[in-house]
N, C-alpha and C. Protein backbone atom coordinates (compact mmCIF):
# COMPACT_ATOMS: atom_id res chain seq x y z
N MET A 1 61.79 27.92 -25.84
CA MET A 1 61.93 27.73 -27.27
C MET A 1 63.35 28.03 -27.72
N GLN A 2 63.94 29.10 -27.15
CA GLN A 2 65.30 29.50 -27.54
C GLN A 2 66.30 28.41 -27.17
N GLU A 3 66.10 27.73 -26.04
CA GLU A 3 67.06 26.70 -25.65
C GLU A 3 67.02 25.52 -26.61
N ILE A 4 65.87 25.23 -27.19
CA ILE A 4 65.78 24.17 -28.19
C ILE A 4 66.57 24.56 -29.44
N LEU A 5 66.42 25.78 -29.87
CA LEU A 5 67.15 26.26 -31.04
C LEU A 5 68.65 26.25 -30.79
N ASP A 6 69.07 26.54 -29.57
CA ASP A 6 70.49 26.57 -29.25
C ASP A 6 71.10 25.17 -29.28
N ARG A 7 70.29 24.14 -29.06
CA ARG A 7 70.80 22.77 -29.05
C ARG A 7 70.97 22.19 -30.44
N GLU A 8 70.35 22.77 -31.45
CA GLU A 8 70.45 22.23 -32.80
C GLU A 8 71.87 22.38 -33.32
N PRO A 9 72.36 21.36 -34.05
CA PRO A 9 73.74 21.43 -34.55
C PRO A 9 73.89 22.55 -35.57
N LYS A 10 75.05 23.15 -35.58
CA LYS A 10 75.35 24.21 -36.53
C LYS A 10 75.59 23.60 -37.91
N ALA A 11 75.32 24.35 -38.95
CA ALA A 11 75.54 23.87 -40.31
C ALA A 11 77.03 23.70 -40.56
N GLN A 12 77.37 22.60 -41.26
CA GLN A 12 78.76 22.34 -41.59
C GLN A 12 79.12 23.10 -42.85
N SER A 13 80.40 23.32 -43.03
CA SER A 13 80.84 24.00 -44.24
C SER A 13 80.64 23.08 -45.44
N LYS A 14 80.50 23.68 -46.61
CA LYS A 14 80.29 22.89 -47.83
C LYS A 14 81.48 21.99 -48.13
N ALA A 15 82.66 22.41 -47.79
CA ALA A 15 83.85 21.61 -48.06
C ALA A 15 83.81 20.30 -47.29
N SER A 16 83.26 20.29 -46.07
CA SER A 16 83.21 19.07 -45.28
C SER A 16 82.08 18.15 -45.70
N GLN A 17 81.19 18.61 -46.59
CA GLN A 17 80.06 17.79 -47.02
C GLN A 17 80.26 17.20 -48.41
N ARG A 18 81.41 17.36 -49.01
CA ARG A 18 81.65 16.86 -50.35
C ARG A 18 81.76 15.34 -50.34
N GLU A 19 81.34 14.75 -51.45
CA GLU A 19 81.45 13.30 -51.62
C GLU A 19 82.90 12.93 -51.89
N GLY A 20 83.28 11.75 -51.44
CA GLY A 20 84.61 11.24 -51.71
C GLY A 20 84.70 10.69 -53.12
N PRO A 21 85.89 10.41 -53.59
CA PRO A 21 86.07 9.94 -54.97
C PRO A 21 85.42 8.58 -55.23
N ILE A 22 85.39 7.71 -54.24
CA ILE A 22 84.79 6.39 -54.44
C ILE A 22 83.28 6.52 -54.59
N ALA A 23 82.65 7.29 -53.70
CA ALA A 23 81.19 7.49 -53.78
C ALA A 23 80.82 8.16 -55.09
N ARG A 24 81.60 9.15 -55.50
CA ARG A 24 81.32 9.87 -56.75
C ARG A 24 81.41 8.92 -57.95
N THR A 25 82.42 8.06 -57.97
CA THR A 25 82.59 7.10 -59.07
C THR A 25 81.44 6.11 -59.11
N ILE A 26 81.05 5.58 -57.96
CA ILE A 26 79.93 4.63 -57.90
C ILE A 26 78.65 5.29 -58.40
N GLU A 27 78.40 6.52 -57.97
CA GLU A 27 77.19 7.22 -58.38
C GLU A 27 77.19 7.53 -59.88
N GLN A 28 78.35 7.85 -60.42
CA GLN A 28 78.44 8.12 -61.86
C GLN A 28 78.15 6.86 -62.66
N GLN A 29 78.63 5.72 -62.19
CA GLN A 29 78.43 4.47 -62.91
C GLN A 29 76.98 3.98 -62.78
N THR A 30 76.41 4.05 -61.57
CA THR A 30 75.04 3.58 -61.39
C THR A 30 74.04 4.51 -62.04
N ALA A 31 74.39 5.78 -62.23
CA ALA A 31 73.49 6.71 -62.90
C ALA A 31 73.27 6.32 -64.36
N LYS A 32 74.17 5.51 -64.90
CA LYS A 32 74.02 5.05 -66.29
C LYS A 32 72.94 3.97 -66.41
N LEU A 33 72.58 3.35 -65.29
CA LEU A 33 71.55 2.31 -65.31
C LEU A 33 70.16 2.95 -65.35
N PRO A 34 69.26 2.37 -66.13
CA PRO A 34 67.88 2.87 -66.06
C PRO A 34 67.30 2.61 -64.67
N SER A 35 66.45 3.50 -64.21
CA SER A 35 65.89 3.36 -62.86
C SER A 35 65.06 2.10 -62.69
N ASP A 36 64.43 1.64 -63.76
CA ASP A 36 63.59 0.45 -63.61
C ASP A 36 64.41 -0.83 -63.49
N THR A 37 65.73 -0.76 -63.65
CA THR A 37 66.58 -1.94 -63.43
C THR A 37 66.42 -2.43 -62.00
N PHE A 38 66.41 -1.50 -61.07
CA PHE A 38 66.27 -1.86 -59.66
C PHE A 38 64.87 -2.39 -59.37
N LEU A 39 63.86 -1.81 -60.00
CA LEU A 39 62.49 -2.27 -59.80
C LEU A 39 62.33 -3.70 -60.31
N TRP A 40 62.84 -3.98 -61.52
CA TRP A 40 62.73 -5.33 -62.06
C TRP A 40 63.56 -6.32 -61.26
N GLY A 41 64.68 -5.87 -60.73
CA GLY A 41 65.47 -6.74 -59.85
C GLY A 41 64.70 -7.11 -58.60
N ALA A 42 63.98 -6.15 -58.03
CA ALA A 42 63.17 -6.41 -56.83
C ALA A 42 62.02 -7.36 -57.15
N VAL A 43 61.34 -7.11 -58.27
CA VAL A 43 60.24 -8.00 -58.68
C VAL A 43 60.77 -9.41 -58.94
N GLY A 44 61.94 -9.49 -59.56
CA GLY A 44 62.56 -10.80 -59.82
C GLY A 44 62.90 -11.53 -58.54
N SER A 45 63.40 -10.80 -57.55
CA SER A 45 63.74 -11.45 -56.28
C SER A 45 62.50 -11.94 -55.55
N ILE A 46 61.41 -11.20 -55.67
CA ILE A 46 60.15 -11.65 -55.07
C ILE A 46 59.67 -12.92 -55.77
N GLY A 47 59.73 -12.93 -57.10
CA GLY A 47 59.32 -14.12 -57.85
C GLY A 47 60.19 -15.33 -57.55
N LEU A 48 61.50 -15.11 -57.50
CA LEU A 48 62.41 -16.21 -57.17
C LEU A 48 62.17 -16.71 -55.76
N SER A 49 61.90 -15.80 -54.85
CA SER A 49 61.61 -16.17 -53.47
C SER A 49 60.34 -17.04 -53.41
N LEU A 50 59.33 -16.64 -54.16
CA LEU A 50 58.10 -17.43 -54.21
C LEU A 50 58.36 -18.81 -54.77
N ALA A 51 59.14 -18.88 -55.84
CA ALA A 51 59.45 -20.17 -56.45
C ALA A 51 60.23 -21.06 -55.47
N LEU A 52 61.18 -20.48 -54.77
CA LEU A 52 61.93 -21.26 -53.78
C LEU A 52 61.04 -21.73 -52.64
N MET A 53 60.10 -20.88 -52.23
CA MET A 53 59.18 -21.26 -51.16
C MET A 53 58.31 -22.44 -51.61
N LEU A 54 57.82 -22.37 -52.84
CA LEU A 54 56.95 -23.44 -53.35
C LEU A 54 57.69 -24.76 -53.55
N THR A 55 59.01 -24.69 -53.74
CA THR A 55 59.79 -25.92 -53.92
C THR A 55 60.35 -26.43 -52.60
N GLY A 56 60.02 -25.78 -51.49
CA GLY A 56 60.42 -26.26 -50.17
C GLY A 56 61.74 -25.72 -49.66
N ASN A 57 62.33 -24.78 -50.36
CA ASN A 57 63.59 -24.18 -49.90
C ASN A 57 63.29 -22.92 -49.10
N GLU A 58 62.75 -23.09 -47.92
CA GLU A 58 62.26 -21.96 -47.14
C GLU A 58 63.37 -20.98 -46.73
N LYS A 59 64.52 -21.49 -46.29
CA LYS A 59 65.61 -20.59 -45.87
C LYS A 59 66.13 -19.78 -47.05
N LYS A 60 66.29 -20.43 -48.19
CA LYS A 60 66.75 -19.71 -49.38
C LYS A 60 65.70 -18.70 -49.83
N ALA A 61 64.44 -19.05 -49.71
CA ALA A 61 63.35 -18.15 -50.10
C ALA A 61 63.37 -16.88 -49.25
N HIS A 62 63.59 -17.03 -47.96
CA HIS A 62 63.66 -15.87 -47.07
C HIS A 62 64.87 -15.00 -47.41
N PHE A 63 66.00 -15.65 -47.69
CA PHE A 63 67.21 -14.92 -48.03
C PHE A 63 67.01 -14.10 -49.31
N VAL A 64 66.50 -14.72 -50.35
CA VAL A 64 66.30 -14.04 -51.63
C VAL A 64 65.19 -12.99 -51.50
N GLY A 65 64.18 -13.25 -50.71
CA GLY A 65 63.10 -12.30 -50.52
C GLY A 65 63.55 -11.01 -49.85
N GLN A 66 64.62 -11.09 -49.09
CA GLN A 66 65.14 -9.88 -48.43
C GLN A 66 65.91 -8.98 -49.38
N TRP A 67 66.17 -9.42 -50.60
CA TRP A 67 66.84 -8.57 -51.58
C TRP A 67 65.91 -7.46 -52.07
N ALA A 68 64.61 -7.71 -52.12
CA ALA A 68 63.66 -6.76 -52.71
C ALA A 68 63.72 -5.37 -52.06
N PRO A 69 63.61 -5.25 -50.74
CA PRO A 69 63.65 -3.90 -50.17
C PRO A 69 65.00 -3.21 -50.39
N THR A 70 66.07 -3.98 -50.36
CA THR A 70 67.40 -3.41 -50.61
C THR A 70 67.49 -2.85 -52.02
N LEU A 71 67.01 -3.61 -53.00
CA LEU A 71 67.03 -3.15 -54.39
C LEU A 71 66.15 -1.92 -54.59
N LEU A 72 65.00 -1.90 -53.93
CA LEU A 72 64.12 -0.74 -54.05
C LEU A 72 64.74 0.51 -53.45
N ILE A 73 65.42 0.36 -52.33
CA ILE A 73 66.08 1.52 -51.71
C ILE A 73 67.25 1.99 -52.58
N LEU A 74 68.00 1.04 -53.16
CA LEU A 74 69.07 1.44 -54.07
C LEU A 74 68.52 2.16 -55.29
N GLY A 75 67.37 1.70 -55.80
CA GLY A 75 66.73 2.38 -56.92
C GLY A 75 66.28 3.78 -56.55
N LEU A 76 65.77 3.94 -55.35
CA LEU A 76 65.36 5.27 -54.88
C LEU A 76 66.57 6.19 -54.77
N TYR A 77 67.65 5.69 -54.21
CA TYR A 77 68.88 6.47 -54.10
C TYR A 77 69.40 6.86 -55.48
N ASN A 78 69.38 5.91 -56.40
CA ASN A 78 69.82 6.15 -57.78
C ASN A 78 68.99 7.25 -58.42
N LYS A 79 67.69 7.21 -58.22
CA LYS A 79 66.80 8.22 -58.79
C LYS A 79 67.08 9.60 -58.18
N MET A 80 67.29 9.65 -56.87
CA MET A 80 67.58 10.92 -56.21
C MET A 80 68.88 11.52 -56.72
N VAL A 81 69.89 10.68 -56.92
CA VAL A 81 71.17 11.17 -57.42
C VAL A 81 71.00 11.71 -58.84
N LYS A 82 70.19 11.02 -59.65
CA LYS A 82 69.96 11.49 -61.02
C LYS A 82 69.24 12.83 -61.04
N LEU A 83 68.27 13.00 -60.15
CA LEU A 83 67.47 14.22 -60.14
C LEU A 83 68.16 15.40 -59.46
N HIS A 84 68.84 15.13 -58.36
CA HIS A 84 69.37 16.21 -57.54
C HIS A 84 70.88 16.29 -57.54
N GLY A 85 71.55 15.29 -58.06
CA GLY A 85 73.01 15.25 -58.01
C GLY A 85 73.48 14.78 -56.67
N SER A 86 74.70 14.29 -56.64
CA SER A 86 75.22 13.75 -55.39
C SER A 86 76.03 14.76 -54.60
N ASP A 87 76.59 15.72 -55.29
CA ASP A 87 77.46 16.68 -54.61
C ASP A 87 77.17 18.08 -55.14
N PRO A 88 76.25 18.80 -54.51
CA PRO A 88 75.89 20.12 -55.00
C PRO A 88 77.06 21.09 -55.06
N ALA A 89 78.12 20.83 -54.31
CA ALA A 89 79.28 21.72 -54.32
C ALA A 89 80.00 21.65 -55.67
N ASN A 90 79.87 20.52 -56.38
CA ASN A 90 80.54 20.36 -57.67
C ASN A 90 79.70 20.79 -58.85
N THR A 91 78.43 21.13 -58.62
CA THR A 91 77.56 21.49 -59.73
C THR A 91 77.53 22.98 -59.95
């Protein structure tokens, strides 16, 4: 058991875990968006994908349909940043 604990990485200093200025700026700007913006974007991409599929544009439908999970993950990240902050060292 001790050898497993010895293999775990050591905690990094807080200074090395700080967000960079670009990430901080992006997070500050996206935090201004309501969280349901990403949800409605995902629902819209699913609807558009369905419409494209029904009109015979199968490749475009698959492309647009792949936006939904990306938008949902971005919405989740946005929500986490709003709730917990992006850089605890600055709070």
